[in-house]
Amino acid sequence: MALDTRLVEQATSEFHVAAPGGQGARALACMLADVGQMHGLSALSKRSGTDPQKVRGSHQTETATVRFSNTDGQPFRVTAVMHPELMDKAGDGLLLVNCRQPIETGTVRSIDAAGIAQALGVPAYLPMLGALAKSAGWADLNRVKTAVKMILEDLAPYWVEPGLAAVEAGYCSLA
């Protein structure tokens, strides 16, 4: 019996996140991995481009990437930046910017994640997570919220209610 060693072609989908020091790039990437798995995707890798202990409170940029195997749907690439000055971190695909002023040109979209978060008393990465889920085509908002609820119940129970509202507001903010 011969062993078939051909590689199986797999489409990969990616999220890239960039944030000023300590503003949640790693937390957002971890949550994206969990939400993606709730949508039937297999997380291939998560990696951070910086040491969070050195970045927290500094002017360094924290980056994180999550890759999924995507055998059922179309592959996608989305870059999220938590501050407009980081727009140069964008690659191919959709660029989602945390920005108070609306941007909708070509492959660039904006969400006022900071404004939503401030109104609800939660981190800005929660509304950004909702917007990223929608941009990835994850149509079931309840699945997204279920995954986030499970995470927040363990991580920060006091953020469950406002956190879910923030995720929903971010999701609904994209057309």
N, C-alpha and C. Protein backbone atom coordinates (compact mmCIF):
# COMPACT_ATOMS: atom_id res chain seq x y z
N MET A 1 0.84 -1.16 0.00
CA MET A 1 0.00 0.00 0.00
C MET A 1 0.90 1.24 0.00
N ALA A 2 0.62 2.15 -0.91
CA ALA A 2 1.41 3.37 -1.00
C ALA A 2 0.74 4.49 -0.20
N LEU A 3 1.53 5.31 0.42
CA LEU A 3 1.03 6.44 1.19
C LEU A 3 0.95 7.65 0.28
N ASP A 4 -0.23 8.25 0.22
CA ASP A 4 -0.42 9.45 -0.61
C ASP A 4 0.03 10.66 0.18
N THR A 5 1.06 11.32 -0.29
CA THR A 5 1.62 12.46 0.43
C THR A 5 1.34 13.79 -0.25
N ARG A 6 0.39 13.81 -1.19
CA ARG A 6 0.07 15.08 -1.85
C ARG A 6 -0.51 16.06 -0.84
N LEU A 7 -0.16 17.31 -1.01
CA LEU A 7 -0.71 18.35 -0.15
C LEU A 7 -2.15 18.65 -0.58
N VAL A 8 -3.00 18.82 0.39
CA VAL A 8 -4.37 19.22 0.11
C VAL A 8 -4.40 20.74 0.05
N GLU A 9 -4.92 21.25 -1.04
CA GLU A 9 -5.03 22.70 -1.17
C GLU A 9 -6.06 23.22 -0.18
N GLN A 10 -5.68 24.15 0.64
CA GLN A 10 -6.60 24.77 1.59
C GLN A 10 -6.57 26.26 1.40
N ALA A 11 -7.75 26.82 1.33
CA ALA A 11 -7.83 28.28 1.31
C ALA A 11 -7.65 28.75 2.74
N THR A 12 -6.93 29.83 2.92
CA THR A 12 -6.78 30.38 4.26
C THR A 12 -7.39 31.77 4.31
N SER A 13 -7.97 32.05 5.44
CA SER A 13 -8.52 33.37 5.71
C SER A 13 -7.73 33.96 6.86
N GLU A 14 -7.53 35.27 6.81
CA GLU A 14 -6.67 35.91 7.81
C GLU A 14 -7.30 37.17 8.36
N PHE A 15 -7.06 37.39 9.64
CA PHE A 15 -7.32 38.66 10.30
C PHE A 15 -5.97 39.18 10.79
N HIS A 16 -5.69 40.43 10.51
CA HIS A 16 -4.50 41.11 11.05
C HIS A 16 -5.02 42.26 11.90
N VAL A 17 -4.45 42.43 13.08
CA VAL A 17 -4.88 43.48 13.99
C VAL A 17 -3.66 44.28 14.40
N ALA A 18 -3.78 45.61 14.39
CA ALA A 18 -2.72 46.49 14.86
C ALA A 18 -3.33 47.51 15.81
N ALA A 19 -2.66 47.72 16.94
CA ALA A 19 -3.17 48.66 17.94
C ALA A 19 -2.00 49.34 18.63
N PRO A 20 -2.21 50.60 19.02
CA PRO A 20 -1.18 51.24 19.86
C PRO A 20 -0.99 50.42 21.13
N GLY A 21 0.18 50.51 21.73
CA GLY A 21 0.54 49.71 22.89
C GLY A 21 -0.56 49.47 23.91
N GLY A 22 -0.84 48.20 24.15
CA GLY A 22 -1.76 47.80 25.19
C GLY A 22 -3.23 48.04 24.92
N GLN A 23 -3.63 48.25 23.67
CA GLN A 23 -5.03 48.53 23.38
C GLN A 23 -5.78 47.33 22.80
N GLY A 24 -5.29 46.14 23.03
CA GLY A 24 -6.11 44.97 22.79
C GLY A 24 -5.92 44.18 21.52
N ALA A 25 -4.82 44.33 20.80
CA ALA A 25 -4.63 43.55 19.57
C ALA A 25 -4.63 42.06 19.88
N ARG A 26 -3.92 41.65 20.91
CA ARG A 26 -3.86 40.22 21.26
C ARG A 26 -5.20 39.71 21.76
N ALA A 27 -5.88 40.50 22.59
CA ALA A 27 -7.19 40.08 23.10
C ALA A 27 -8.18 39.92 21.95
N LEU A 28 -8.16 40.86 21.01
CA LEU A 28 -9.05 40.79 19.86
C LEU A 28 -8.74 39.56 19.01
N ALA A 29 -7.47 39.28 18.79
CA ALA A 29 -7.09 38.11 17.99
C ALA A 29 -7.54 36.82 18.66
N CYS A 30 -7.39 36.72 19.96
CA CYS A 30 -7.84 35.51 20.67
C CYS A 30 -9.35 35.34 20.57
N MET A 31 -10.08 36.44 20.71
CA MET A 31 -11.54 36.37 20.59
C MET A 31 -11.94 36.00 19.17
N LEU A 32 -11.26 36.54 18.17
CA LEU A 32 -11.55 36.19 16.77
C LEU A 32 -11.35 34.70 16.53
N ALA A 33 -10.31 34.14 17.11
CA ALA A 33 -10.06 32.70 16.95
C ALA A 33 -11.23 31.90 17.52
N ASP A 34 -11.71 32.28 18.69
CA ASP A 34 -12.84 31.57 19.30
C ASP A 34 -14.12 31.72 18.50
N VAL A 35 -14.39 32.95 18.05
CA VAL A 35 -15.61 33.19 17.27
C VAL A 35 -15.54 32.44 15.94
N GLY A 36 -14.39 32.44 15.29
CA GLY A 36 -14.23 31.71 14.04
C GLY A 36 -14.47 30.22 14.23
N GLN A 37 -13.99 29.66 15.32
CA GLN A 37 -14.22 28.24 15.59
C GLN A 37 -15.71 27.96 15.81
N MET A 38 -16.43 28.92 16.43
CA MET A 38 -17.88 28.75 16.59
C MET A 38 -18.59 28.76 15.24
N HIS A 39 -17.93 29.33 14.22
CA HIS A 39 -18.49 29.37 12.87
C HIS A 39 -17.95 28.24 12.00
N GLY A 40 -17.32 27.25 12.63
CA GLY A 40 -16.89 26.07 11.90
C GLY A 40 -15.54 26.17 11.23
N LEU A 41 -14.79 27.23 11.49
CA LEU A 41 -13.46 27.36 10.90
C LEU A 41 -12.43 26.78 11.86
N SER A 42 -11.36 26.26 11.31
CA SER A 42 -10.27 25.74 12.13
C SER A 42 -9.17 26.78 12.20
N ALA A 43 -8.84 27.21 13.41
CA ALA A 43 -7.75 28.18 13.57
C ALA A 43 -6.44 27.47 13.27
N LEU A 44 -5.70 27.98 12.31
CA LEU A 44 -4.40 27.39 11.95
C LEU A 44 -3.29 27.97 12.81
N SER A 45 -3.39 29.27 13.10
CA SER A 45 -2.35 29.89 13.91
C SER A 45 -2.82 31.21 14.47
N LYS A 46 -2.22 31.56 15.59
CA LYS A 46 -2.36 32.88 16.20
C LYS A 46 -0.95 33.32 16.52
N ARG A 47 -0.61 34.53 16.20
CA ARG A 47 0.72 34.99 16.59
C ARG A 47 0.68 36.48 16.86
N SER A 48 1.56 36.90 17.71
CA SER A 48 1.69 38.30 18.06
C SER A 48 3.05 38.77 17.61
N GLY A 49 3.08 39.96 17.04
CA GLY A 49 4.34 40.49 16.53
C GLY A 49 5.14 41.25 17.55
N THR A 50 4.63 41.38 18.78
CA THR A 50 5.33 42.16 19.79
C THR A 50 5.17 41.52 21.16
N ASP A 51 6.04 41.87 22.06
CA ASP A 51 5.96 41.40 23.44
C ASP A 51 5.00 42.32 24.19
N PRO A 52 3.85 41.82 24.65
CA PRO A 52 2.86 42.68 25.30
C PRO A 52 3.39 43.38 26.55
N GLN A 53 4.36 42.80 27.24
CA GLN A 53 4.91 43.45 28.43
C GLN A 53 5.70 44.70 28.06
N LYS A 54 6.34 44.68 26.89
CA LYS A 54 7.11 45.84 26.45
C LYS A 54 6.22 46.89 25.78
N VAL A 55 5.07 46.48 25.26
CA VAL A 55 4.21 47.37 24.50
C VAL A 55 3.24 48.14 25.39
N ARG A 56 2.73 47.50 26.43
CA ARG A 56 1.69 48.08 27.27
C ARG A 56 2.09 49.48 27.74
N GLY A 57 1.27 50.47 27.38
CA GLY A 57 1.51 51.85 27.79
C GLY A 57 2.59 52.57 27.00
N SER A 58 3.19 51.92 26.04
CA SER A 58 4.24 52.56 25.25
C SER A 58 3.65 53.08 23.93
N HIS A 59 4.51 53.62 23.11
CA HIS A 59 4.08 54.10 21.80
C HIS A 59 4.33 53.06 20.71
N GLN A 60 4.74 51.86 21.11
CA GLN A 60 4.96 50.79 20.14
C GLN A 60 3.63 50.26 19.64
N THR A 61 3.65 49.69 18.46
CA THR A 61 2.46 49.09 17.88
C THR A 61 2.43 47.61 18.20
N GLU A 62 1.31 47.16 18.73
CA GLU A 62 1.08 45.75 19.00
C GLU A 62 0.36 45.16 17.79
N THR A 63 0.83 44.02 17.30
CA THR A 63 0.19 43.38 16.16
C THR A 63 -0.13 41.93 16.49
N ALA A 64 -1.16 41.42 15.86
CA ALA A 64 -1.53 40.03 16.03
C ALA A 64 -2.19 39.55 14.74
N THR A 65 -2.05 38.26 14.45
CA THR A 65 -2.63 37.66 13.26
C THR A 65 -3.31 36.36 13.64
N VAL A 66 -4.48 36.11 13.05
CA VAL A 66 -5.17 34.83 13.20
C VAL A 66 -5.43 34.30 11.79
N ARG A 67 -5.05 33.05 11.56
CA ARG A 67 -5.29 32.39 10.27
C ARG A 67 -6.24 31.22 10.49
N PHE A 68 -7.17 31.07 9.54
CA PHE A 68 -8.13 29.97 9.58
C PHE A 68 -8.04 29.17 8.29
N SER A 69 -8.28 27.87 8.37
CA SER A 69 -8.50 27.12 7.14
C SER A 69 -9.94 27.37 6.76
N ASN A 70 -10.17 27.53 5.49
CA ASN A 70 -11.50 27.92 5.04
C ASN A 70 -11.86 27.06 3.83
N THR A 71 -12.29 25.85 4.09
CA THR A 71 -12.56 24.92 3.00
C THR A 71 -13.96 25.10 2.43
N ASP A 72 -14.88 25.71 3.17
CA ASP A 72 -16.26 25.82 2.72
C ASP A 72 -16.57 27.12 1.97
N GLY A 73 -16.00 28.21 2.39
CA GLY A 73 -16.36 29.50 1.81
C GLY A 73 -15.20 30.14 1.09
N GLN A 74 -15.40 31.38 0.72
CA GLN A 74 -14.37 32.14 0.05
C GLN A 74 -13.34 32.63 1.07
N PRO A 75 -12.06 32.55 0.75
CA PRO A 75 -11.06 33.08 1.67
C PRO A 75 -11.16 34.60 1.74
N PHE A 76 -10.76 35.15 2.85
CA PHE A 76 -10.79 36.59 3.03
C PHE A 76 -9.55 37.04 3.79
N ARG A 77 -9.28 38.31 3.71
CA ARG A 77 -8.20 38.92 4.49
C ARG A 77 -8.71 40.26 4.97
N VAL A 78 -8.70 40.45 6.27
CA VAL A 78 -9.17 41.69 6.87
C VAL A 78 -8.09 42.20 7.81
N THR A 79 -7.77 43.48 7.69
CA THR A 79 -6.85 44.13 8.62
C THR A 79 -7.64 45.13 9.42
N ALA A 80 -7.51 45.06 10.73
CA ALA A 80 -8.18 46.01 11.63
C ALA A 80 -7.11 46.85 12.31
N VAL A 81 -7.28 48.15 12.27
CA VAL A 81 -6.36 49.03 12.98
C VAL A 81 -7.16 49.84 13.99
N MET A 82 -6.64 49.90 15.20
CA MET A 82 -7.35 50.54 16.29
C MET A 82 -7.09 52.04 16.37
N HIS A 83 -6.28 52.57 15.45
CA HIS A 83 -6.01 54.01 15.39
C HIS A 83 -5.71 54.37 13.94
N PRO A 84 -6.28 55.49 13.43
CA PRO A 84 -6.07 55.86 12.02
C PRO A 84 -4.60 55.99 11.61
N GLU A 85 -3.72 56.36 12.54
CA GLU A 85 -2.31 56.51 12.21
C GLU A 85 -1.65 55.18 11.84
N LEU A 86 -2.35 54.07 12.09
CA LEU A 86 -1.79 52.75 11.78
C LEU A 86 -2.28 52.21 10.45
N MET A 87 -2.93 53.04 9.64
CA MET A 87 -3.47 52.57 8.37
C MET A 87 -2.40 52.04 7.44
N ASP A 88 -1.15 52.41 7.66
CA ASP A 88 -0.06 51.89 6.81
C ASP A 88 0.22 50.41 7.08
N LYS A 89 -0.42 49.83 8.10
CA LYS A 89 -0.24 48.41 8.41
C LYS A 89 -1.08 47.52 7.50
N ALA A 90 -1.92 48.14 6.67
CA ALA A 90 -2.84 47.37 5.82
C ALA A 90 -2.09 46.62 4.73
N GLY A 91 -2.63 45.48 4.40
CA GLY A 91 -2.13 44.69 3.28
C GLY A 91 -3.23 44.60 2.25
N ASP A 92 -3.35 43.44 1.63
CA ASP A 92 -4.43 43.19 0.69
C ASP A 92 -5.72 42.98 1.48
N GLY A 93 -6.83 43.13 0.81
CA GLY A 93 -8.12 42.86 1.44
C GLY A 93 -8.72 44.09 2.09
N LEU A 94 -9.70 43.87 2.93
CA LEU A 94 -10.44 44.94 3.59
C LEU A 94 -9.62 45.54 4.73
N LEU A 95 -9.67 46.86 4.85
CA LEU A 95 -9.06 47.57 5.97
C LEU A 95 -10.19 48.18 6.79
N LEU A 96 -10.26 47.83 8.06
CA LEU A 96 -11.26 48.34 8.98
C LEU A 96 -10.56 49.22 9.99
N VAL A 97 -10.97 50.50 10.06
CA VAL A 97 -10.26 51.50 10.86
C VAL A 97 -11.16 52.00 11.99
N ASN A 98 -10.62 52.04 13.21
CA ASN A 98 -11.30 52.67 14.33
C ASN A 98 -11.11 54.18 14.17
N CYS A 99 -12.19 54.85 13.80
CA CYS A 99 -12.09 56.27 13.46
C CYS A 99 -13.44 56.92 13.67
N ARG A 100 -13.46 58.11 14.25
CA ARG A 100 -14.73 58.79 14.50
C ARG A 100 -15.39 59.29 13.22
N GLN A 101 -14.60 59.63 12.20
CA GLN A 101 -15.19 60.12 10.96
C GLN A 101 -15.42 58.96 9.99
N PRO A 102 -16.54 58.97 9.29
CA PRO A 102 -16.84 57.86 8.37
C PRO A 102 -15.88 57.79 7.19
N ILE A 103 -15.42 56.60 6.90
CA ILE A 103 -14.59 56.34 5.72
C ILE A 103 -15.20 55.14 5.02
N GLU A 104 -15.45 55.29 3.74
CA GLU A 104 -15.93 54.16 2.96
C GLU A 104 -15.48 54.37 1.52
N THR A 105 -14.24 53.97 1.27
CA THR A 105 -13.67 54.10 -0.07
C THR A 105 -12.97 52.81 -0.44
N GLY A 106 -13.29 52.28 -1.58
CA GLY A 106 -12.63 51.06 -2.04
C GLY A 106 -12.73 49.95 -1.01
N THR A 107 -11.59 49.56 -0.47
CA THR A 107 -11.57 48.47 0.51
C THR A 107 -11.35 48.98 1.93
N VAL A 108 -11.61 50.26 2.17
CA VAL A 108 -11.43 50.85 3.50
C VAL A 108 -12.80 51.19 4.09
N ARG A 109 -13.02 50.73 5.33
CA ARG A 109 -14.25 51.05 6.06
C ARG A 109 -13.85 51.54 7.44
N SER A 110 -14.70 52.35 8.04
CA SER A 110 -14.42 52.80 9.40
C SER A 110 -15.56 52.44 10.33
N ILE A 111 -15.21 52.36 11.59
CA ILE A 111 -16.18 52.15 12.67
C ILE A 111 -15.71 53.00 13.84
N ASP A 112 -16.63 53.65 14.50
CA ASP A 112 -16.29 54.43 15.68
C ASP A 112 -16.30 53.51 16.90
N ALA A 113 -15.37 52.57 16.90
CA ALA A 113 -15.30 51.59 17.99
C ALA A 113 -15.01 52.27 19.32
N ALA A 114 -14.17 53.30 19.30
CA ALA A 114 -13.85 54.01 20.55
C ALA A 114 -15.08 54.71 21.10
N GLY A 115 -15.87 55.32 20.23
CA GLY A 115 -17.08 56.01 20.68
C GLY A 115 -18.11 55.04 21.25
N ILE A 116 -18.31 53.92 20.57
CA ILE A 116 -19.24 52.89 21.05
C ILE A 116 -18.76 52.36 22.40
N ALA A 117 -17.48 52.05 22.48
CA ALA A 117 -16.90 51.49 23.70
C ALA A 117 -17.00 52.47 24.86
N GLN A 118 -16.71 53.72 24.60
CA GLN A 118 -16.77 54.73 25.65
C GLN A 118 -18.19 54.86 26.19
N ALA A 119 -19.17 54.84 25.32
CA ALA A 119 -20.57 54.97 25.74
C ALA A 119 -21.01 53.78 26.59
N LEU A 120 -20.41 52.61 26.35
CA LEU A 120 -20.82 51.39 27.07
C LEU A 120 -19.86 50.99 28.19
N GLY A 121 -18.72 51.67 28.29
CA GLY A 121 -17.76 51.37 29.35
C GLY A 121 -16.99 50.08 29.16
N VAL A 122 -16.67 49.75 27.91
CA VAL A 122 -15.93 48.53 27.60
C VAL A 122 -14.75 48.87 26.69
N PRO A 123 -13.82 47.94 26.48
CA PRO A 123 -12.70 48.21 25.56
C PRO A 123 -13.17 48.32 24.11
N ALA A 124 -12.44 49.11 23.34
CA ALA A 124 -12.80 49.36 21.93
C ALA A 124 -12.69 48.11 21.07
N TYR A 125 -11.95 47.10 21.52
CA TYR A 125 -11.84 45.90 20.69
C TYR A 125 -13.14 45.11 20.63
N LEU A 126 -14.09 45.34 21.55
CA LEU A 126 -15.35 44.60 21.49
C LEU A 126 -16.25 45.05 20.33
N PRO A 127 -16.49 46.36 20.13
CA PRO A 127 -17.24 46.73 18.92
C PRO A 127 -16.48 46.41 17.63
N MET A 128 -15.14 46.50 17.69
CA MET A 128 -14.34 46.15 16.52
C MET A 128 -14.53 44.67 16.18
N LEU A 129 -14.64 43.82 17.20
CA LEU A 129 -14.88 42.39 16.98
C LEU A 129 -16.19 42.18 16.23
N GLY A 130 -17.24 42.90 16.61
CA GLY A 130 -18.51 42.78 15.90
C GLY A 130 -18.39 43.18 14.44
N ALA A 131 -17.69 44.28 14.19
CA ALA A 131 -17.51 44.73 12.80
C ALA A 131 -16.66 43.74 12.01
N LEU A 132 -15.65 43.17 12.63
CA LEU A 132 -14.81 42.18 11.94
C LEU A 132 -15.61 40.92 11.61
N ALA A 133 -16.46 40.50 12.54
CA ALA A 133 -17.29 39.32 12.30
C ALA A 133 -18.20 39.53 11.10
N LYS A 134 -18.79 40.71 11.02
CA LYS A 134 -19.67 41.01 9.88
C LYS A 134 -18.86 41.07 8.59
N SER A 135 -17.69 41.69 8.64
CA SER A 135 -16.87 41.81 7.42
C SER A 135 -16.38 40.46 6.93
N ALA A 136 -16.27 39.48 7.84
CA ALA A 136 -15.85 38.13 7.46
C ALA A 136 -17.00 37.31 6.90
N GLY A 137 -18.20 37.87 6.94
CA GLY A 137 -19.36 37.15 6.42
C GLY A 137 -19.98 36.19 7.43
N TRP A 138 -19.64 36.35 8.70
CA TRP A 138 -20.24 35.53 9.74
C TRP A 138 -21.62 36.09 10.03
N ALA A 139 -22.61 35.56 9.33
CA ALA A 139 -23.95 36.14 9.31
C ALA A 139 -24.74 35.92 10.59
N ASP A 140 -24.35 34.97 11.40
CA ASP A 140 -25.13 34.66 12.59
C ASP A 140 -24.60 35.45 13.79
N LEU A 141 -25.19 36.62 14.03
CA LEU A 141 -24.77 37.48 15.13
C LEU A 141 -24.93 36.75 16.46
N ASN A 142 -25.93 35.91 16.60
CA ASN A 142 -26.12 35.19 17.87
C ASN A 142 -24.95 34.26 18.18
N ARG A 143 -24.39 33.62 17.16
CA ARG A 143 -23.21 32.78 17.38
C ARG A 143 -22.02 33.61 17.84
N VAL A 144 -21.86 34.77 17.21
CA VAL A 144 -20.78 35.68 17.59
C VAL A 144 -20.95 36.06 19.06
N LYS A 145 -22.17 36.47 19.43
CA LYS A 145 -22.43 36.90 20.80
C LYS A 145 -22.29 35.75 21.79
N THR A 146 -22.65 34.54 21.39
CA THR A 146 -22.51 33.38 22.28
C THR A 146 -21.03 33.14 22.60
N ALA A 147 -20.19 33.20 21.58
CA ALA A 147 -18.75 33.01 21.80
C ALA A 147 -18.19 34.10 22.70
N VAL A 148 -18.57 35.34 22.44
CA VAL A 148 -18.08 36.46 23.25
C VAL A 148 -18.58 36.34 24.68
N LYS A 149 -19.82 35.95 24.85
CA LYS A 149 -20.38 35.79 26.21
C LYS A 149 -19.59 34.75 27.00
N MET A 150 -19.26 33.63 26.37
CA MET A 150 -18.49 32.59 27.07
C MET A 150 -17.13 33.12 27.50
N ILE A 151 -16.50 33.90 26.64
CA ILE A 151 -15.19 34.47 26.95
C ILE A 151 -15.31 35.47 28.10
N LEU A 152 -16.27 36.39 27.98
CA LEU A 152 -16.40 37.45 28.99
C LEU A 152 -16.85 36.92 30.34
N GLU A 153 -17.64 35.87 30.35
CA GLU A 153 -18.07 35.30 31.64
C GLU A 153 -16.85 34.83 32.45
N ASP A 154 -15.83 34.32 31.77
CA ASP A 154 -14.61 33.90 32.46
C ASP A 154 -13.64 35.06 32.68
N LEU A 155 -13.51 35.92 31.71
CA LEU A 155 -12.51 36.98 31.73
C LEU A 155 -12.93 38.19 32.57
N ALA A 156 -14.14 38.68 32.32
CA ALA A 156 -14.61 39.92 32.96
C ALA A 156 -16.14 39.90 33.03
N PRO A 157 -16.70 39.21 34.02
CA PRO A 157 -18.16 39.07 34.09
C PRO A 157 -18.93 40.39 34.08
N TYR A 158 -18.32 41.43 34.61
CA TYR A 158 -18.96 42.75 34.65
C TYR A 158 -19.09 43.37 33.25
N TRP A 159 -18.41 42.82 32.26
CA TRP A 159 -18.50 43.33 30.89
C TRP A 159 -19.48 42.55 30.03
N VAL A 160 -20.10 41.51 30.55
CA VAL A 160 -20.94 40.66 29.70
C VAL A 160 -22.05 41.48 29.03
N GLU A 161 -22.90 42.12 29.79
CA GLU A 161 -24.02 42.86 29.19
C GLU A 161 -23.55 44.00 28.28
N PRO A 162 -22.71 44.93 28.78
CA PRO A 162 -22.27 46.01 27.89
C PRO A 162 -21.38 45.50 26.75
N GLY A 163 -20.63 44.42 27.00
CA GLY A 163 -19.76 43.86 25.96
C GLY A 163 -20.56 43.30 24.80
N LEU A 164 -21.65 42.59 25.12
CA LEU A 164 -22.50 42.04 24.06
C LEU A 164 -23.19 43.16 23.29
N ALA A 165 -23.58 44.21 24.00
CA ALA A 165 -24.18 45.37 23.32
C ALA A 165 -23.16 46.04 22.39
N ALA A 166 -21.91 46.09 22.83
CA ALA A 166 -20.85 46.69 22.00
C ALA A 166 -20.57 45.86 20.76
N VAL A 167 -20.54 44.54 20.92
CA VAL A 167 -20.32 43.64 19.77
C VAL A 167 -21.46 43.82 18.76
N GLU A 168 -22.69 43.86 19.25
CA GLU A 168 -23.83 44.03 18.37
C GLU A 168 -23.80 45.39 17.67
N ALA A 169 -23.45 46.44 18.41
CA ALA A 169 -23.37 47.78 17.80
C ALA A 169 -22.29 47.81 16.71
N GLY A 170 -21.16 47.17 16.96
CA GLY A 170 -20.10 47.11 15.95
C GLY A 170 -20.54 46.32 14.73
N TYR A 171 -21.20 45.21 14.96
CA TYR A 171 -21.70 44.36 13.87
C TYR A 171 -22.68 45.14 13.00
N CYS A 172 -23.60 45.84 13.66
CA CYS A 172 -24.65 46.57 12.93
C CYS A 172 -24.15 47.88 12.32
N SER A 173 -22.97 48.32 12.70
CA SER A 173 -22.46 49.60 12.18
C SER A 173 -21.96 49.47 10.74
N LEU A 174 -21.66 48.26 10.29
CA LEU A 174 -21.20 48.08 8.91
C LEU A 174 -22.39 47.79 8.02
N ALA A 175 -22.42 48.45 6.87
CA ALA A 175 -23.54 48.25 5.93
C ALA A 175 -23.41 46.92 5.23
